[in-house]
């Protein structure tokens, strides 16, 4: 009680021909209180703020995956 859970959803996808697609991660994030910033984060940085995006973007490139932040998770 009183503890929050850190949540991540990972999806590994392939089609019926056996073609594999990049790993897809969705992380729980905290939404900005400024509505315009929330929209900017969702459209330009997969839901992450500017500071966190500086860490997330290189990870996507290094591991060939897509990482998204979900403020409503």
N, C-alpha and C. Protein backbone atom coordinates (compact mmCIF):
# COMPACT_ATOMS: atom_id res chain seq x y z
N UNK A 1 0.84 -1.18 0.00
CA UNK A 1 0.00 0.00 0.00
C UNK A 1 0.88 1.24 0.00
N UNK A 2 0.47 2.24 -0.77
CA UNK A 2 1.23 3.48 -0.82
C UNK A 2 2.38 3.48 -1.80
N UNK A 3 2.69 2.33 -2.38
CA UNK A 3 3.79 2.26 -3.34
C UNK A 3 3.24 2.31 -4.75
N UNK A 4 4.01 2.94 -5.64
CA UNK A 4 3.60 2.97 -7.04
C UNK A 4 4.40 1.92 -7.80
N UNK A 5 3.82 1.42 -8.86
CA UNK A 5 4.49 0.42 -9.68
C UNK A 5 5.08 1.10 -10.90
N UNK A 6 6.31 0.74 -11.22
CA UNK A 6 6.92 1.18 -12.47
C UNK A 6 6.49 0.17 -13.52
N UNK A 7 5.91 0.67 -14.62
CA UNK A 7 5.39 -0.25 -15.62
C UNK A 7 6.00 -0.02 -16.98
N UNK A 8 6.28 -1.13 -17.64
CA UNK A 8 6.74 -1.13 -19.02
C UNK A 8 6.00 -2.22 -19.76
N UNK A 9 5.58 -1.93 -20.96
CA UNK A 9 4.98 -2.94 -21.83
C UNK A 9 5.93 -3.12 -23.00
N UNK A 10 6.31 -4.36 -23.27
CA UNK A 10 7.19 -4.66 -24.39
C UNK A 10 6.43 -5.52 -25.39
N UNK A 11 6.55 -5.16 -26.66
CA UNK A 11 5.89 -5.94 -27.71
C UNK A 11 6.92 -6.37 -28.74
N UNK A 12 6.93 -7.66 -29.01
CA UNK A 12 7.77 -8.21 -30.05
C UNK A 12 6.81 -8.67 -31.14
N UNK A 13 6.95 -8.10 -32.32
CA UNK A 13 5.97 -8.39 -33.37
C UNK A 13 6.62 -9.03 -34.59
N UNK A 14 5.84 -9.88 -35.25
CA UNK A 14 6.23 -10.50 -36.51
C UNK A 14 4.96 -10.73 -37.32
N UNK A 15 5.13 -10.90 -38.63
CA UNK A 15 3.94 -11.17 -39.44
C UNK A 15 3.89 -12.64 -39.83
N UNK A 16 2.91 -13.01 -40.61
CA UNK A 16 2.69 -14.42 -40.95
C UNK A 16 3.80 -15.00 -41.84
N UNK A 17 4.62 -14.13 -42.44
CA UNK A 17 5.72 -14.63 -43.27
C UNK A 17 6.99 -14.86 -42.44
N UNK A 18 6.94 -14.49 -41.17
CA UNK A 18 8.10 -14.66 -40.30
C UNK A 18 8.96 -13.42 -40.19
N UNK A 19 8.58 -12.35 -40.89
CA UNK A 19 9.33 -11.10 -40.80
C UNK A 19 9.18 -10.51 -39.41
N UNK A 20 10.30 -10.19 -38.78
CA UNK A 20 10.28 -9.61 -37.44
C UNK A 20 10.36 -8.09 -37.53
N UNK A 21 9.66 -7.42 -36.62
CA UNK A 21 9.64 -5.97 -36.57
C UNK A 21 10.39 -5.50 -35.32
N UNK A 22 10.85 -4.24 -35.31
CA UNK A 22 11.61 -3.74 -34.16
C UNK A 22 10.82 -3.84 -32.85
N UNK A 23 11.55 -4.08 -31.77
CA UNK A 23 10.97 -4.11 -30.43
C UNK A 23 10.26 -2.79 -30.17
N UNK A 24 9.13 -2.86 -29.50
CA UNK A 24 8.26 -1.72 -29.26
C UNK A 24 8.03 -1.65 -27.76
N UNK A 25 8.52 -0.59 -27.11
CA UNK A 25 8.37 -0.44 -25.66
C UNK A 25 7.48 0.74 -25.34
N UNK A 26 6.61 0.58 -24.35
CA UNK A 26 5.77 1.66 -23.86
C UNK A 26 6.02 1.79 -22.37
N UNK A 27 6.49 2.97 -21.96
CA UNK A 27 6.81 3.22 -20.55
C UNK A 27 5.80 4.16 -19.92
N UNK A 28 5.54 3.97 -18.67
CA UNK A 28 4.67 4.87 -17.93
C UNK A 28 5.44 6.17 -17.70
N UNK A 29 4.83 7.31 -18.04
CA UNK A 29 5.48 8.61 -17.84
C UNK A 29 4.54 9.55 -17.09
N UNK A 30 5.10 10.62 -16.62
CA UNK A 30 4.30 11.64 -15.94
C UNK A 30 4.02 12.75 -16.95
N UNK A 31 2.75 13.12 -17.09
CA UNK A 31 2.37 14.16 -18.05
C UNK A 31 2.66 15.54 -17.50
N UNK A 32 3.00 16.45 -18.39
CA UNK A 32 3.18 17.85 -18.02
C UNK A 32 1.83 18.43 -17.62
N UNK A 33 1.86 19.44 -16.77
CA UNK A 33 0.63 20.12 -16.37
C UNK A 33 0.20 21.15 -17.42
N UNK A 34 1.08 21.46 -18.37
CA UNK A 34 0.80 22.43 -19.42
C UNK A 34 0.32 21.67 -20.66
N UNK A 35 -0.93 21.91 -21.05
CA UNK A 35 -1.55 21.16 -22.14
C UNK A 35 -0.77 21.24 -23.46
N UNK A 36 -0.26 22.43 -23.79
CA UNK A 36 0.50 22.60 -25.04
C UNK A 36 1.77 21.76 -25.03
N UNK A 37 2.40 21.65 -23.88
CA UNK A 37 3.62 20.85 -23.75
C UNK A 37 3.30 19.37 -23.91
N UNK A 38 2.17 18.93 -23.36
CA UNK A 38 1.75 17.54 -23.51
C UNK A 38 1.60 17.20 -25.00
N UNK A 39 0.94 18.07 -25.76
CA UNK A 39 0.76 17.84 -27.20
C UNK A 39 2.10 17.79 -27.92
N UNK A 40 2.99 18.71 -27.58
CA UNK A 40 4.32 18.74 -28.21
C UNK A 40 5.08 17.45 -27.90
N UNK A 41 5.03 17.01 -26.66
CA UNK A 41 5.71 15.77 -26.27
C UNK A 41 5.17 14.58 -27.05
N UNK A 42 3.86 14.50 -27.19
CA UNK A 42 3.25 13.37 -27.89
C UNK A 42 3.57 13.38 -29.38
N UNK A 43 3.57 14.55 -30.00
CA UNK A 43 3.78 14.62 -31.45
C UNK A 43 5.26 14.60 -31.85
N UNK A 44 6.14 15.13 -31.02
CA UNK A 44 7.55 15.26 -31.41
C UNK A 44 8.50 14.30 -30.71
N UNK A 45 8.13 13.82 -29.52
CA UNK A 45 9.08 13.03 -28.74
C UNK A 45 8.46 11.77 -28.14
N UNK A 46 7.51 11.17 -28.86
CA UNK A 46 6.88 9.91 -28.43
C UNK A 46 6.34 9.97 -27.01
N UNK A 47 5.94 11.14 -26.54
CA UNK A 47 5.34 11.27 -25.22
C UNK A 47 6.29 11.66 -24.11
N UNK A 48 7.58 11.78 -24.42
CA UNK A 48 8.57 12.14 -23.41
C UNK A 48 8.84 13.64 -23.44
N UNK A 49 9.26 14.19 -22.32
CA UNK A 49 9.69 15.58 -22.24
C UNK A 49 11.06 15.75 -22.87
N UNK A 50 11.48 17.00 -23.04
CA UNK A 50 12.76 17.30 -23.70
C UNK A 50 13.95 16.66 -23.01
N UNK A 51 13.97 16.71 -21.68
CA UNK A 51 15.12 16.19 -20.93
C UNK A 51 15.22 14.67 -21.05
N UNK A 52 14.13 13.98 -20.84
CA UNK A 52 14.13 12.51 -20.91
C UNK A 52 14.39 12.05 -22.35
N UNK A 53 13.87 12.78 -23.33
CA UNK A 53 14.05 12.41 -24.73
C UNK A 53 15.53 12.36 -25.12
N UNK A 54 16.34 13.20 -24.50
CA UNK A 54 17.78 13.20 -24.79
C UNK A 54 18.42 11.87 -24.40
N UNK A 55 17.82 11.15 -23.46
CA UNK A 55 18.31 9.83 -23.08
C UNK A 55 17.64 8.72 -23.89
N UNK A 56 16.37 8.90 -24.20
CA UNK A 56 15.60 7.87 -24.90
C UNK A 56 16.02 7.73 -26.36
N UNK A 57 16.18 8.85 -27.05
CA UNK A 57 16.49 8.80 -28.48
C UNK A 57 17.75 7.99 -28.80
N UNK A 58 18.87 8.20 -28.08
CA UNK A 58 20.06 7.38 -28.37
C UNK A 58 19.83 5.89 -28.10
N UNK A 59 19.01 5.56 -27.11
CA UNK A 59 18.71 4.15 -26.83
C UNK A 59 17.96 3.50 -27.99
N UNK A 60 17.03 4.24 -28.58
CA UNK A 60 16.30 3.73 -29.74
C UNK A 60 17.26 3.40 -30.87
N UNK A 61 18.18 4.32 -31.12
CA UNK A 61 19.14 4.11 -32.21
C UNK A 61 20.08 2.95 -31.91
N UNK A 62 20.57 2.88 -30.68
CA UNK A 62 21.53 1.84 -30.30
C UNK A 62 20.93 0.44 -30.41
N UNK A 63 19.67 0.29 -29.97
CA UNK A 63 19.06 -1.03 -29.91
C UNK A 63 18.06 -1.30 -31.03
N UNK A 64 17.86 -0.33 -31.92
CA UNK A 64 16.95 -0.54 -33.05
C UNK A 64 15.52 -0.80 -32.63
N UNK A 65 15.06 -0.08 -31.63
CA UNK A 65 13.69 -0.27 -31.14
C UNK A 65 12.96 1.07 -31.11
N UNK A 66 11.68 1.02 -30.83
CA UNK A 66 10.87 2.23 -30.67
C UNK A 66 10.43 2.29 -29.22
N UNK A 67 10.62 3.45 -28.58
CA UNK A 67 10.26 3.64 -27.18
C UNK A 67 9.27 4.79 -27.08
N UNK A 68 8.14 4.53 -26.44
CA UNK A 68 7.08 5.52 -26.29
C UNK A 68 6.77 5.73 -24.81
N UNK A 69 6.39 6.96 -24.48
CA UNK A 69 5.94 7.27 -23.13
C UNK A 69 4.43 7.44 -23.13
N UNK A 70 3.76 6.84 -22.15
CA UNK A 70 2.31 6.94 -22.05
C UNK A 70 1.94 7.60 -20.73
N UNK A 71 1.55 8.88 -20.78
CA UNK A 71 1.21 9.58 -19.53
C UNK A 71 -0.09 9.12 -18.91
N UNK A 72 -0.89 8.34 -19.62
CA UNK A 72 -2.16 7.88 -19.06
C UNK A 72 -2.08 6.46 -18.53
N UNK A 73 -0.91 5.83 -18.60
CA UNK A 73 -0.78 4.43 -18.15
C UNK A 73 -0.87 4.31 -16.65
